Amino acid sequence: MSVTDRISQVASSVQNTAKITASNFISLSLKFVSSLVISFVVALVLQTLIGFGQLSFLLSLVLGTSALMRLMWNWSVGVTLVFDLICVLVALLLRMYILVAP
């Protein structure tokens, strides 16, 4: 095997590793942002309904984010996007119910 073949193999290996790493980073970022937004909304609703302070708000935000990250850990990007779509549709349904209710 010549030196150019070896360099070509190393370059393709580095390229494949960078591609996989970027894909995993994007997937993890999407899951983190999704769980953070959902936890923020739930913590804000609980703070409004129950009236607890900032420390309890932060605790519920961190616990909700970690629980959702644990739930989403093995999901693919497609499953995460479908979950986000379902959450948005449920939020729109609740908004419509609040606006229509007397």
N, C-alpha and C. Protein backbone atom coordinates (compact mmCIF):
# COMPACT_ATOMS: atom_id res chain seq x y z
N MET A 1 0.84 -1.17 0.00
CA MET A 1 0.00 0.00 0.00
C MET A 1 0.90 1.24 0.00
N SER A 2 0.58 2.16 -0.87
CA SER A 2 1.41 3.36 -0.99
C SER A 2 1.00 4.42 0.02
N VAL A 3 1.83 5.42 0.09
CA VAL A 3 1.58 6.51 1.03
C VAL A 3 0.32 7.28 0.65
N THR A 4 0.07 7.47 -0.63
CA THR A 4 -1.11 8.23 -1.05
C THR A 4 -2.39 7.49 -0.72
N ASP A 5 -2.39 6.17 -0.84
CA ASP A 5 -3.56 5.38 -0.45
C ASP A 5 -3.83 5.49 1.04
N ARG A 6 -2.78 5.44 1.82
CA ARG A 6 -2.92 5.54 3.27
C ARG A 6 -3.45 6.92 3.68
N ILE A 7 -2.93 7.96 3.05
CA ILE A 7 -3.40 9.32 3.34
C ILE A 7 -4.85 9.47 2.91
N SER A 8 -5.22 8.87 1.80
CA SER A 8 -6.60 8.93 1.33
C SER A 8 -7.54 8.22 2.31
N GLN A 9 -7.13 7.10 2.86
CA GLN A 9 -7.94 6.38 3.84
C GLN A 9 -8.11 7.20 5.12
N VAL A 10 -7.02 7.81 5.56
CA VAL A 10 -7.09 8.62 6.78
C VAL A 10 -8.00 9.82 6.56
N ALA A 11 -7.92 10.45 5.40
CA ALA A 11 -8.76 11.61 5.10
C ALA A 11 -10.23 11.22 5.04
N SER A 12 -10.54 10.10 4.43
CA SER A 12 -11.94 9.67 4.36
C SER A 12 -12.45 9.26 5.73
N SER A 13 -11.58 8.67 6.56
CA SER A 13 -11.97 8.32 7.92
C SER A 13 -12.28 9.56 8.74
N VAL A 14 -11.44 10.57 8.61
CA VAL A 14 -11.68 11.83 9.33
C VAL A 14 -12.97 12.49 8.85
N GLN A 15 -13.22 12.44 7.56
CA GLN A 15 -14.43 13.05 7.00
C GLN A 15 -15.68 12.32 7.50
N ASN A 16 -15.65 11.01 7.54
CA ASN A 16 -16.80 10.24 8.04
C ASN A 16 -17.03 10.49 9.52
N THR A 17 -15.96 10.56 10.29
CA THR A 17 -16.08 10.82 11.72
C THR A 17 -16.65 12.22 11.97
N ALA A 18 -16.21 13.20 11.21
CA ALA A 18 -16.73 14.57 11.36
C ALA A 18 -18.21 14.63 10.99
N LYS A 19 -18.60 13.89 9.96
CA LYS A 19 -20.00 13.87 9.54
C LYS A 19 -20.89 13.24 10.62
N ILE A 20 -20.44 12.15 11.20
CA ILE A 20 -21.21 11.49 12.26
C ILE A 20 -21.29 12.37 13.51
N THR A 21 -20.17 13.02 13.84
CA THR A 21 -20.15 13.89 15.01
C THR A 21 -21.09 15.09 14.82
N ALA A 22 -21.08 15.68 13.65
CA ALA A 22 -21.97 16.81 13.39
C ALA A 22 -23.43 16.38 13.44
N SER A 23 -23.73 15.21 12.91
CA SER A 23 -25.10 14.70 12.95
C SER A 23 -25.55 14.45 14.39
N ASN A 24 -24.69 13.85 15.19
CA ASN A 24 -25.03 13.60 16.59
C ASN A 24 -25.19 14.90 17.37
N PHE A 25 -24.36 15.89 17.08
CA PHE A 25 -24.46 17.19 17.76
C PHE A 25 -25.77 17.89 17.41
N ILE A 26 -26.15 17.85 16.15
CA ILE A 26 -27.41 18.48 15.73
C ILE A 26 -28.60 17.77 16.39
N SER A 27 -28.56 16.45 16.43
CA SER A 27 -29.63 15.68 17.06
C SER A 27 -29.73 16.00 18.55
N LEU A 28 -28.60 16.03 19.24
CA LEU A 28 -28.60 16.33 20.66
C LEU A 28 -29.05 17.76 20.94
N SER A 29 -28.65 18.70 20.10
CA SER A 29 -29.07 20.09 20.26
C SER A 29 -30.58 20.24 20.07
N LEU A 30 -31.12 19.55 19.07
CA LEU A 30 -32.56 19.60 18.83
C LEU A 30 -33.33 19.02 20.02
N LYS A 31 -32.85 17.92 20.55
CA LYS A 31 -33.52 17.32 21.71
C LYS A 31 -33.44 18.22 22.93
N PHE A 32 -32.28 18.86 23.13
CA PHE A 32 -32.13 19.73 24.29
C PHE A 32 -33.03 20.95 24.18
N VAL A 33 -33.06 21.57 23.02
CA VAL A 33 -33.90 22.77 22.84
C VAL A 33 -35.38 22.40 22.98
N SER A 34 -35.78 21.28 22.42
CA SER A 34 -37.18 20.86 22.52
C SER A 34 -37.56 20.60 23.97
N SER A 35 -36.72 19.87 24.70
CA SER A 35 -37.05 19.59 26.09
C SER A 35 -37.01 20.85 26.94
N LEU A 36 -36.11 21.77 26.62
CA LEU A 36 -36.03 23.02 27.39
C LEU A 36 -37.27 23.88 27.17
N VAL A 37 -37.74 23.98 25.93
CA VAL A 37 -38.92 24.80 25.63
C VAL A 37 -40.17 24.19 26.29
N ILE A 38 -40.33 22.88 26.18
CA ILE A 38 -41.50 22.24 26.78
C ILE A 38 -41.47 22.37 28.29
N SER A 39 -40.30 22.17 28.89
CA SER A 39 -40.17 22.31 30.35
C SER A 39 -40.41 23.75 30.79
N PHE A 40 -39.95 24.71 29.99
CA PHE A 40 -40.17 26.12 30.32
C PHE A 40 -41.65 26.46 30.33
N VAL A 41 -42.38 25.97 29.33
CA VAL A 41 -43.81 26.25 29.25
C VAL A 41 -44.55 25.61 30.43
N VAL A 42 -44.20 24.37 30.74
CA VAL A 42 -44.87 23.69 31.86
C VAL A 42 -44.52 24.36 33.19
N ALA A 43 -43.27 24.74 33.38
CA ALA A 43 -42.87 25.42 34.62
C ALA A 43 -43.54 26.78 34.74
N LEU A 44 -43.70 27.49 33.63
CA LEU A 44 -44.36 28.79 33.65
C LEU A 44 -45.84 28.64 33.98
N VAL A 45 -46.49 27.63 33.42
CA VAL A 45 -47.90 27.37 33.74
C VAL A 45 -48.05 27.01 35.20
N LEU A 46 -47.16 26.14 35.70
CA LEU A 46 -47.24 25.76 37.12
C LEU A 46 -46.97 26.95 38.03
N GLN A 47 -46.05 27.81 37.65
CA GLN A 47 -45.78 29.00 38.46
C GLN A 47 -46.99 29.93 38.49
N THR A 48 -47.68 30.04 37.38
CA THR A 48 -48.86 30.89 37.32
C THR A 48 -50.01 30.30 38.13
N LEU A 49 -50.22 28.99 37.99
CA LEU A 49 -51.34 28.35 38.69
C LEU A 49 -51.10 28.23 40.19
N ILE A 50 -49.92 27.76 40.57
CA ILE A 50 -49.65 27.50 41.98
C ILE A 50 -49.07 28.73 42.67
N GLY A 51 -48.29 29.50 41.96
CA GLY A 51 -47.72 30.71 42.53
C GLY A 51 -46.45 30.48 43.31
N PHE A 52 -45.64 29.51 42.92
CA PHE A 52 -44.39 29.31 43.63
C PHE A 52 -43.32 30.27 43.13
N GLY A 53 -42.21 30.35 43.86
CA GLY A 53 -41.17 31.35 43.60
C GLY A 53 -40.20 30.95 42.50
N GLN A 54 -39.14 31.75 42.38
CA GLN A 54 -38.16 31.57 41.32
C GLN A 54 -37.35 30.28 41.49
N LEU A 55 -37.03 29.95 42.73
CA LEU A 55 -36.23 28.74 42.97
C LEU A 55 -37.01 27.49 42.57
N SER A 56 -38.27 27.44 42.90
CA SER A 56 -39.10 26.31 42.49
C SER A 56 -39.30 26.28 40.99
N PHE A 57 -39.37 27.46 40.37
CA PHE A 57 -39.48 27.54 38.92
C PHE A 57 -38.23 26.94 38.26
N LEU A 58 -37.05 27.33 38.76
CA LEU A 58 -35.81 26.80 38.21
C LEU A 58 -35.68 25.30 38.46
N LEU A 59 -36.09 24.85 39.64
CA LEU A 59 -36.03 23.43 39.95
C LEU A 59 -36.94 22.63 39.03
N SER A 60 -38.15 23.11 38.81
CA SER A 60 -39.06 22.39 37.91
C SER A 60 -38.56 22.45 36.47
N LEU A 61 -37.91 23.55 36.08
CA LEU A 61 -37.34 23.67 34.74
C LEU A 61 -36.21 22.65 34.54
N VAL A 62 -35.32 22.55 35.50
CA VAL A 62 -34.20 21.61 35.39
C VAL A 62 -34.69 20.16 35.44
N LEU A 63 -35.60 19.86 36.35
CA LEU A 63 -36.12 18.50 36.45
C LEU A 63 -36.91 18.09 35.20
N GLY A 64 -37.71 19.01 34.67
CA GLY A 64 -38.46 18.71 33.46
C GLY A 64 -37.56 18.51 32.26
N THR A 65 -36.54 19.35 32.14
CA THR A 65 -35.60 19.22 31.03
C THR A 65 -34.85 17.90 31.11
N SER A 66 -34.39 17.55 32.30
CA SER A 66 -33.64 16.30 32.43
C SER A 66 -34.53 15.08 32.21
N ALA A 67 -35.78 15.14 32.66
CA ALA A 67 -36.69 14.02 32.44
C ALA A 67 -37.01 13.86 30.95
N LEU A 68 -37.24 14.96 30.27
CA LEU A 68 -37.52 14.87 28.83
C LEU A 68 -36.29 14.46 28.03
N MET A 69 -35.11 14.91 28.44
CA MET A 69 -33.88 14.46 27.76
C MET A 69 -33.69 12.96 27.95
N ARG A 70 -34.00 12.47 29.14
CA ARG A 70 -33.90 11.02 29.40
C ARG A 70 -34.89 10.26 28.53
N LEU A 71 -36.08 10.82 28.35
CA LEU A 71 -37.10 10.18 27.51
C LEU A 71 -36.70 10.19 26.05
N MET A 72 -36.11 11.30 25.58
CA MET A 72 -35.78 11.46 24.16
C MET A 72 -34.40 10.92 23.78
N TRP A 73 -33.65 10.37 24.71
CA TRP A 73 -32.26 10.02 24.47
C TRP A 73 -32.06 9.10 23.27
N ASN A 74 -32.90 8.09 23.11
CA ASN A 74 -32.73 7.11 22.03
C ASN A 74 -33.55 7.43 20.79
N TRP A 75 -34.25 8.56 20.78
CA TRP A 75 -35.08 8.91 19.64
C TRP A 75 -34.22 9.43 18.50
N SER A 76 -34.74 9.23 17.29
CA SER A 76 -34.07 9.81 16.12
C SER A 76 -34.57 11.25 15.93
N VAL A 77 -34.00 11.93 14.95
CA VAL A 77 -34.39 13.31 14.68
C VAL A 77 -35.84 13.36 14.21
N GLY A 78 -36.25 12.40 13.40
CA GLY A 78 -37.62 12.37 12.90
C GLY A 78 -38.65 12.20 14.00
N VAL A 79 -38.37 11.30 14.93
CA VAL A 79 -39.29 11.08 16.05
C VAL A 79 -39.36 12.33 16.93
N THR A 80 -38.22 12.98 17.12
CA THR A 80 -38.20 14.21 17.91
C THR A 80 -39.02 15.31 17.23
N LEU A 81 -38.90 15.43 15.93
CA LEU A 81 -39.68 16.45 15.21
C LEU A 81 -41.17 16.15 15.25
N VAL A 82 -41.55 14.87 15.16
CA VAL A 82 -42.97 14.50 15.27
C VAL A 82 -43.49 14.82 16.68
N PHE A 83 -42.68 14.54 17.70
CA PHE A 83 -43.05 14.87 19.07
C PHE A 83 -43.25 16.38 19.23
N ASP A 84 -42.35 17.17 18.65
CA ASP A 84 -42.48 18.63 18.70
C ASP A 84 -43.75 19.09 17.99
N LEU A 85 -44.06 18.49 16.86
CA LEU A 85 -45.27 18.84 16.12
C LEU A 85 -46.52 18.53 16.95
N ILE A 86 -46.53 17.39 17.60
CA ILE A 86 -47.68 17.03 18.45
C ILE A 86 -47.81 18.02 19.61
N CYS A 87 -46.68 18.41 20.21
CA CYS A 87 -46.73 19.38 21.32
C CYS A 87 -47.24 20.73 20.85
N VAL A 88 -46.84 21.17 19.68
CA VAL A 88 -47.32 22.44 19.14
C VAL A 88 -48.82 22.36 18.86
N LEU A 89 -49.28 21.26 18.29
CA LEU A 89 -50.71 21.12 18.01
C LEU A 89 -51.54 21.08 19.29
N VAL A 90 -51.04 20.42 20.32
CA VAL A 90 -51.75 20.41 21.61
C VAL A 90 -51.78 21.81 22.20
N ALA A 91 -50.69 22.55 22.09
CA ALA A 91 -50.67 23.93 22.60
C ALA A 91 -51.65 24.81 21.84
N LEU A 92 -51.74 24.64 20.53
CA LEU A 92 -52.71 25.42 19.76
C LEU A 92 -54.15 25.05 20.11
N LEU A 93 -54.37 23.77 20.38
CA LEU A 93 -55.70 23.33 20.80
C LEU A 93 -56.08 23.93 22.15
N LEU A 94 -55.15 23.95 23.08
CA LEU A 94 -55.43 24.57 24.39
C LEU A 94 -55.64 26.07 24.27
N ARG A 95 -54.87 26.72 23.40
CA ARG A 95 -55.06 28.16 23.16
C ARG A 95 -56.44 28.44 22.60
N MET A 96 -56.86 27.61 21.64
CA MET A 96 -58.19 27.79 21.06
C MET A 96 -59.27 27.57 22.12
N TYR A 97 -59.09 26.58 22.98
CA TYR A 97 -60.06 26.32 24.05
C TYR A 97 -60.13 27.50 24.99
N ILE A 98 -59.01 28.10 25.33
CA ILE A 98 -59.00 29.24 26.24
C ILE A 98 -59.68 30.46 25.60
N LEU A 99 -59.44 30.68 24.31
CA LEU A 99 -60.04 31.83 23.64
C LEU A 99 -61.54 31.67 23.42
N VAL A 100 -62.00 30.44 23.21
CA VAL A 100 -63.42 30.22 22.91
C VAL A 100 -64.24 30.08 24.20
N ALA A 101 -63.63 29.59 25.26
CA ALA A 101 -64.36 29.35 26.50
C ALA A 101 -64.89 30.67 27.05
N PRO A 102 -66.09 30.63 27.59
CA PRO A 102 -66.69 31.87 28.14
C PRO A 102 -66.07 32.32 29.41
